[in-house]
Amino acid sequence: MSSDRITAESITITGYGDDQIEAYLAVPDREQPYGGVVVIHHMPGYDAWSKEIVRTFAVHGYASLMPNLHYREAPGASPDDASAASRAAGGVPDQRLVGDVAAAAAHLRALPDCNGRIGTIGYCSGGRQSFLAACSLPLQAAVDCYGAFVVAKPPAESGSKVTPILDLAPNLSCPLLGLFGLEDKYPGPDEVAALDAELTRLGKQHEFHSFEGAGHAFFAVNRPAYRPEAAMQGWNHIWEFFGRHLTGSTPAGV
């Protein structure tokens, strides 16, 4: 009989630049090997909804860890205040993001029952960052949930300092699942099509799904943008995708 018991707690990990940062860990209570998922939170931050996502992965049999990407800007602050501080700084620097995700992946791989197979998933800004991580680190799977500014520059009024990263596509290290809303503007359907075309040209394994009637943040149950039908279809794609790529034995070279 399977168990949905989990252990969830806030921990400290050593992130980019040897910085000590907060992270949220959830581990399934099961006597069998499990894969790991690094959850990359959305721009609103390390909030209650994002922590619920971490626990959801654990209930489904994956060890899951979410680094607090805004911790350095505002240690101990509320998610809203920390997010505001991060926005004022122009967003999370790409190099720092990769270092923090690498640290989270290493922590998961070191867990006693982890099978060594690690994926990432990110929402909003985290979708772009999941693609960035998958182009920068050896991973087994990555999910991009409506990540903007992979293809196009952010609007000047946003204050964001991030830049397009489509040129990193040749370095994609693993299969990529993309989940998008057809009514989204960032990224718009034209940007999704451009990323799809480039990955196809490069022969990179990927699958994209775009949902009618959904815009940005359609997964977020605590926001008006939530679209239950699109979110449920999206979750089904996630479980099938991670089930294919994060189960089994430790991959060679890890």
Foldseek 3Di string as FASTA:
>chain_A
DDDLDKDKDKDWFQFPPRDTFIKIKIAAPDDAAFAEEEEEEALLWDDPLSNVVQSVVRSVGHIYMYTGQLCVQPPPDHSNVSSVSQQQVQHRDLVRLLRRVVRVLVVRCPPPRYQAAYEYEYAACGLLSSQSNQLPDQHAEYERELYAQLQQDDDPVSSHPDHHNLVSLLSRNYEYEYEAECAEVRPHPVRVVVSVVSCVVSVHHYDYDYDYPAYGPCLRPVDPRPDVVSNVVVVVVVCVRCVVGRDDHNDPPD
